[in-house]
Amino acid sequence: MRRRSALAMAAGVPLSLLALKHATARQPAMRYTMTAFTNSSETDLYVYESTDATNFQLLRGPAYRPPTGLLRDPSLFRHVDGVYYLTYTTGWEGHTIGFASSTDRVNWTHMYDFPTQVPGFTVTSSWAPEWLIDAQGRVNVIVSLSDGCRFTPHLMTATDPSLRSWTPLTPLAGLGPPPGYRSSGDRPACDFFGYGYIDTTIVYNYDLYCAFTKNETSKLIELAVAPAPLGPYVFVATGNWATWGAPREGQCVIPLPGGSWRIFFDDYDEDHPRYLYSDSHDNFRTWTEPVELPELSGTVRHFTVLPEPAP
């Protein structure tokens, strides 16, 4: 089966419906808030704002520095209480992720560092936590946990409105280790089994959870879909399917007015860092050629963008 056909069947969306939705949808005024760290600082939060998801202006930077550790990969969402919440990577190694809150996007308060401990799993690194609000309105966080060899995305769900209590971290089915894998930290074994998946970000689209995840072995961003947040996920687009190239990481996927989608990602070239974006107008099947993000490419690193109706 061709890749596009598989993706279309997985999504279950007629092209005629997509075209109709694109043509008839009203274009609301939007506000896009970006939370990022930068090439010059992995301890400070920078907040930017845009009206078109392309041209961003600095709102405040630095806006927040945690009391200890790093601030990398900051992910933003707005809760039903109107408060903005941030989760972020606290270190290159370790078993915590950080949380902070704000009522205005520019003044932030540290909440706590959460331990990413999993029974039977020795966590050596906890990278790139991402918010996921599922179809039932539950607040989830996806975080990539390493055992010293490969990364596996795990999910936890908030059990109270204040976001201070969580379900146990559970691996996403379909994105875990292959059969026969045993963590050893031995480089030949890691090379044989692969290095797993990081920077997983999930969007809900046409009754499916669509996971854009970086294959840490190939350094390519791939796409898997599932009927539920925990999976099981099935890959529908692998390799260099979208012609974005490699290495690519730090992806963030947002809806645009009119039914299109945009992905932002880091090209991870330490000598010439760039941040790029690419759009899809046909439900993730094809993507436009990546374009550098104006002004901020080469400055910002792994960020998220939160779309909201303009106030």
Protein backbone atom coordinates (compact mmCIF):
# COMPACT_ATOMS: atom_id res chain seq x y z
CA MET A 1 0.00 0.00 0.00
CA ARG A 2 1.34 3.43 -0.86
CA ARG A 3 2.18 5.72 2.05
CA ARG A 4 -0.43 8.33 1.12
CA SER A 5 -3.13 5.70 0.82
CA ALA A 6 -2.25 4.29 4.23
CA LEU A 7 -2.33 7.73 5.80
CA ALA A 8 -5.65 8.53 4.15
CA MET A 9 -7.18 5.28 5.38
CA ALA A 10 -5.80 5.82 8.87
CA ALA A 11 -7.24 9.30 8.99
CA GLY A 12 -10.52 8.21 7.41
CA VAL A 13 -11.21 11.65 5.97
CA PRO A 14 -12.60 12.15 2.46
CA LEU A 15 -10.73 14.72 0.40
CA SER A 16 -14.05 16.35 -0.48
CA LEU A 17 -14.74 16.95 3.20
CA LEU A 18 -11.29 18.41 3.69
CA ALA A 19 -11.79 20.75 0.77
CA LEU A 20 -15.22 21.80 2.02
CA LYS A 21 -13.95 22.52 5.51
CA HIS A 22 -11.05 24.51 4.08
CA ALA A 23 -13.31 26.55 1.84
CA THR A 24 -16.09 27.33 4.32
CA ALA A 25 -14.18 27.81 7.58
CA ARG A 26 -14.19 31.36 8.90
CA GLN A 27 -10.86 32.98 9.57
CA PRO A 28 -10.78 34.05 13.23
CA ALA A 29 -8.20 36.50 14.47
CA MET A 30 -5.57 34.50 16.30
CA ARG A 31 -2.75 35.06 18.75
CA TYR A 32 0.24 32.73 18.75
CA THR A 33 2.49 32.55 21.81
CA MET A 34 5.92 30.96 21.50
CA THR A 35 7.92 29.74 24.49
CA ALA A 36 11.56 28.99 23.73
CA PHE A 37 15.06 28.74 25.03
CA THR A 38 17.88 30.15 22.91
CA ASN A 39 21.27 29.30 21.49
CA SER A 40 22.85 31.62 24.05
CA SER A 41 20.98 30.35 27.12
CA GLU A 42 19.56 26.99 28.18
CA THR A 43 18.44 28.31 31.57
CA ASP A 44 16.15 31.18 30.53
CA LEU A 45 12.65 31.28 29.06
CA TYR A 46 11.93 33.64 26.17
CA VAL A 47 8.32 34.44 25.23
CA TYR A 48 7.32 35.69 21.77
CA GLU A 49 3.98 36.65 20.20
CA SER A 50 2.60 36.64 16.66
CA THR A 51 -0.65 37.26 14.81
CA ASP A 52 0.20 35.02 11.85
CA ALA A 53 2.36 32.18 13.28
CA THR A 54 5.24 33.42 11.13
CA ASN A 55 6.44 36.81 12.33
CA PHE A 56 7.10 36.74 16.07
CA GLN A 57 7.94 39.66 18.34
CA LEU A 58 9.60 39.39 21.73
CA LEU A 59 7.09 39.65 24.56
CA ARG A 60 9.64 39.16 27.34
CA GLY A 61 13.07 37.64 27.53
CA PRO A 62 14.31 36.37 29.74
CA ALA A 63 10.91 35.83 31.34
CA TYR A 64 11.75 33.04 33.78
CA ARG A 65 14.70 31.13 35.17
CA PRO A 66 14.07 28.06 37.35
CA PRO A 67 15.63 28.01 40.82
CA THR A 68 17.86 25.08 39.83
CA GLY A 69 18.77 23.21 36.69
CA LEU A 70 18.17 24.02 33.05
CA LEU A 71 15.19 25.28 31.09
CA ARG A 72 15.12 23.51 27.74
CA ASP A 73 12.27 22.47 25.45
CA PRO A 74 9.59 24.62 27.18
CA SER A 75 6.04 23.51 26.33
CA LEU A 76 3.05 25.82 26.93
CA PHE A 77 -0.70 25.39 27.27
CA ARG A 78 -3.60 27.32 28.80
CA HIS A 79 -5.75 25.47 31.31
CA VAL A 80 -9.52 25.82 31.79
CA ASP A 81 -8.76 28.07 34.79
CA GLY A 82 -7.23 30.62 32.39
CA VAL A 83 -3.74 30.08 33.77
CA TYR A 84 -0.79 29.30 31.50
CA TYR A 85 1.33 26.31 32.43
CA LEU A 86 4.85 25.45 31.34
CA THR A 87 6.69 22.15 31.47
CA TYR A 88 10.35 21.83 30.50
CA THR A 89 13.53 19.75 30.54
CA THR A 90 15.56 20.35 33.71
CA GLY A 91 18.85 18.75 32.62
CA TRP A 92 20.72 16.80 29.99
CA GLU A 93 20.72 13.94 32.46
CA GLY A 94 18.45 13.19 35.40
CA HIS A 95 14.96 12.09 36.32
CA THR A 96 12.88 15.25 36.73
CA ILE A 97 10.90 17.65 34.57
CA GLY A 98 9.96 21.17 35.65
CA PHE A 99 6.63 22.99 35.94
CA ALA A 100 5.84 26.72 36.15
CA SER A 101 2.69 28.86 35.87
CA SER A 102 1.69 32.35 34.77
CA THR A 103 -1.48 34.40 34.48
CA ASP A 104 -0.11 36.76 31.82
CA ARG A 105 2.57 34.77 29.88
CA VAL A 106 5.38 37.07 31.04
CA ASN A 107 5.54 36.68 34.83
CA TRP A 108 6.22 33.09 35.86
CA THR A 109 6.22 31.19 39.15
CA HIS A 110 8.08 27.95 39.68
CA MET A 111 5.68 25.19 40.78
CA TYR A 112 7.81 22.07 41.30
CA ASP A 113 10.15 19.57 39.69
CA PHE A 114 8.40 16.27 39.08
CA PRO A 115 10.27 12.94 39.45
CA THR A 116 10.13 10.82 36.29
CA GLN A 117 10.67 7.49 37.98
CA VAL A 118 9.23 4.33 36.44
CA PRO A 119 9.29 0.92 38.19
CA GLY A 120 11.61 -1.47 36.39
CA PHE A 121 13.05 1.32 34.22
CA THR A 122 16.31 3.07 35.11
CA VAL A 123 15.80 6.65 33.94
CA THR A 124 19.02 8.39 32.94
CA SER A 125 17.51 11.32 30.99
CA SER A 126 14.07 12.98 30.82
CA TRP A 127 13.72 15.10 27.70
CA ALA A 128 11.23 17.36 25.98
CA PRO A 129 7.99 17.11 27.97
CA GLU A 130 4.97 18.13 25.87
CA TRP A 131 1.38 18.90 26.82
CA LEU A 132 -1.46 16.94 25.27
CA ILE A 133 -5.10 17.83 25.92
CA ASP A 134 -7.02 14.78 24.82
CA ALA A 135 -10.50 14.52 23.33
CA GLN A 136 -12.03 14.16 26.81
CA GLY A 137 -10.33 17.33 28.02
CA ARG A 138 -7.82 15.49 30.20
CA VAL A 139 -4.43 17.13 30.67
CA ASN A 140 -1.51 14.87 29.77
CA VAL A 141 2.25 15.25 29.50
CA ILE A 142 4.38 13.19 27.13
CA VAL A 143 8.08 12.91 28.02
CA SER A 144 10.89 10.93 26.41
CA LEU A 145 12.74 8.81 28.98
CA SER A 146 16.12 7.21 28.33
CA ASP A 147 17.53 4.10 29.97
CA GLY A 148 21.03 5.06 28.88
CA CYS A 149 20.59 3.46 25.47
CA ARG A 150 17.22 4.25 23.88
CA PHE A 151 14.46 6.79 24.45
CA THR A 152 10.84 5.77 24.92
CA PRO A 153 7.97 8.30 25.04
CA HIS A 154 5.90 7.99 28.23
CA LEU A 155 2.59 9.63 29.16
CA MET A 156 1.13 10.77 32.48
CA THR A 157 -2.31 12.28 33.13
CA ALA A 158 -3.21 14.95 35.67
CA THR A 159 -5.53 13.69 38.40
CA ASP A 160 -6.38 17.06 39.96
CA PRO A 161 -7.19 20.50 38.49
CA SER A 162 -4.10 22.10 40.03
CA LEU A 163 -1.83 19.82 37.97
CA ARG A 164 0.11 18.63 41.00
CA SER A 165 -0.91 14.98 41.01
CA TRP A 166 -0.33 12.59 38.12
CA THR A 167 -0.93 9.01 37.06
CA PRO A 168 2.13 6.75 36.78
CA LEU A 169 4.24 7.29 33.68
CA THR A 170 3.24 4.74 31.03
CA PRO A 171 5.09 4.02 27.76
CA LEU A 172 3.26 4.73 24.50
CA ALA A 173 2.42 1.41 22.86
CA GLY A 174 3.98 1.16 19.42
CA LEU A 175 6.81 3.60 20.20
CA GLY A 176 8.65 1.35 22.62
CA PRO A 177 11.63 -0.99 22.25
CA PRO A 178 11.52 -3.85 19.72
CA PRO A 179 11.12 -7.47 20.88
CA GLY A 180 14.23 -8.86 22.52
CA TYR A 181 15.54 -5.50 23.67
CA ARG A 182 17.36 -5.39 26.98
CA SER A 183 18.97 -2.21 28.27
CA SER A 184 22.70 -2.65 28.66
CA GLY A 185 24.25 0.67 27.72
CA ASP A 186 26.51 -1.30 25.39
CA ARG A 187 27.05 0.70 22.19
CA PRO A 188 26.88 -2.26 19.77
CA ALA A 189 23.60 -3.37 21.38
CA CYS A 190 22.21 0.17 21.17
CA ASP A 191 23.21 0.38 17.52
CA PHE A 192 21.52 -2.96 16.84
CA PHE A 193 18.19 -2.14 18.51
CA GLY A 194 18.13 1.58 17.67
CA TYR A 195 17.98 4.66 19.86
CA GLY A 196 14.22 5.08 20.09
CA TYR A 197 12.09 8.20 19.75
CA ILE A 198 12.36 11.69 21.24
CA ASP A 199 10.64 15.07 21.01
CA THR A 200 7.27 13.38 20.54
CA THR A 201 4.42 15.84 20.07
CA ILE A 202 0.84 14.66 19.57
CA VAL A 203 -2.13 16.42 17.99
CA TYR A 204 -5.72 15.17 17.83
CA ASN A 205 -7.10 15.18 14.29
CA TYR A 206 -10.22 13.46 12.93
CA ASP A 207 -10.58 11.04 15.87
CA LEU A 208 -6.91 10.03 15.76
CA TYR A 209 -3.94 10.93 17.92
CA CYS A 210 -1.17 11.84 15.50
CA ALA A 211 2.34 11.56 16.96
CA PHE A 212 5.13 13.44 15.23
CA THR A 213 8.26 11.88 16.71
CA LYS A 214 11.97 12.06 15.99
CA ASN A 215 13.53 8.71 15.15
CA GLU A 216 16.72 9.04 17.17
CA THR A 217 18.49 6.49 14.97
CA SER A 218 17.78 8.08 11.57
CA LYS A 219 17.33 11.64 12.94
CA LEU A 220 14.15 11.97 10.84
CA ILE A 221 10.71 13.13 12.01
CA GLU A 222 8.16 10.35 11.47
CA LEU A 223 4.39 10.09 11.92
CA ALA A 224 2.41 7.46 13.84
CA VAL A 225 -1.33 7.41 14.60
CA ALA A 226 -3.45 5.80 17.32
CA PRO A 227 -7.08 5.72 18.50
CA ALA A 228 -6.10 6.65 22.09
CA PRO A 229 -3.36 8.75 23.72
CA LEU A 230 -1.51 5.67 25.01
CA GLY A 231 -1.77 3.90 21.66
CA PRO A 232 -1.26 1.49 20.16
CA TYR A 233 0.52 3.70 17.60
CA VAL A 234 1.04 2.57 14.02
CA PHE A 235 3.57 4.32 11.81
CA VAL A 236 2.00 5.67 8.63
CA ALA A 237 4.91 7.82 7.42
CA THR A 238 8.55 6.92 7.98
CA GLY A 239 11.96 7.77 6.61
CA ASN A 240 12.23 11.07 4.73
CA TRP A 241 8.51 10.93 3.88
CA ALA A 242 7.94 14.71 4.03
CA THR A 243 11.34 15.58 2.45
CA TRP A 244 12.30 17.63 5.53
CA GLY A 245 15.70 15.95 5.65
CA ALA A 246 17.86 15.15 8.67
CA PRO A 247 18.85 15.81 11.32
CA ARG A 248 15.57 17.40 12.36
CA GLU A 249 14.14 17.69 15.87
CA GLY A 250 12.29 19.92 18.34
CA GLN A 251 9.09 19.71 16.31
CA CYS A 252 5.89 21.56 17.20
CA VAL A 253 2.68 21.05 15.20
CA ILE A 254 -0.21 23.54 15.28
CA PRO A 255 -3.48 24.03 13.38
CA LEU A 256 -3.84 27.09 11.19
CA PRO A 257 -7.11 28.87 10.35
CA GLY A 258 -8.78 27.28 7.34
CA GLY A 259 -7.87 23.68 8.08
CA SER A 260 -4.13 23.67 7.36
CA TRP A 261 -1.36 22.59 9.73
CA ARG A 262 2.12 23.92 10.40
CA ILE A 263 5.16 22.13 11.78
CA PHE A 264 8.16 23.97 13.20
CA PHE A 265 11.46 22.14 13.68
CA ASP A 266 15.15 22.63 14.40
CA ASP A 267 17.65 21.55 11.74
CA TYR A 268 20.17 20.92 14.53
CA ASP A 269 23.27 22.16 12.73
CA GLU A 270 25.56 23.43 15.48
CA ASP A 271 27.69 25.36 12.98
CA HIS A 272 24.73 27.02 11.25
CA PRO A 273 21.61 26.59 13.43
CA ARG A 274 18.28 27.26 11.74
CA TYR A 275 14.64 26.91 12.69
CA LEU A 276 12.28 25.99 9.88
CA TYR A 277 8.57 25.61 9.26
CA SER A 278 6.51 23.67 6.74
CA ASP A 279 2.75 23.56 6.05
CA SER A 280 0.30 20.83 5.11
CA HIS A 281 -2.98 21.63 3.36
CA ASP A 282 -4.13 18.02 2.89
CA ASN A 283 -4.27 16.43 6.33
CA PHE A 284 -0.55 15.60 6.75
CA ARG A 285 -0.17 13.88 3.37
CA THR A 286 2.12 16.41 1.73
CA TRP A 287 4.11 19.34 3.08
CA THR A 288 5.52 22.53 1.64
CA GLU A 289 9.25 23.02 1.30
CA PRO A 290 10.69 24.14 4.66
CA VAL A 291 11.26 27.87 5.09
CA GLU A 292 13.38 29.61 7.72
CA LEU A 293 11.44 31.30 10.51
CA PRO A 294 11.92 35.07 10.00
CA GLU A 295 14.17 36.91 12.46
CA LEU A 296 14.30 34.11 15.04
CA SER A 297 15.92 31.33 13.01
CA GLY A 298 19.36 30.77 14.47
CA THR A 299 18.32 32.26 17.82
CA VAL A 300 15.50 30.15 19.27
CA ARG A 301 15.76 26.47 20.11
CA HIS A 302 13.15 23.76 20.74
CA PHE A 303 9.96 25.75 21.32
CA THR A 304 6.22 25.34 21.33
CA VAL A 305 3.60 27.65 19.85
CA LEU A 306 0.19 28.01 21.48
CA PRO A 307 -2.63 29.21 19.16
CA GLU A 308 -5.49 31.10 20.83
CA PRO A 309 -8.29 33.38 19.64
CA ALA A 310 -7.04 36.95 19.84
CA PRO A 311 -8.37 38.80 22.91
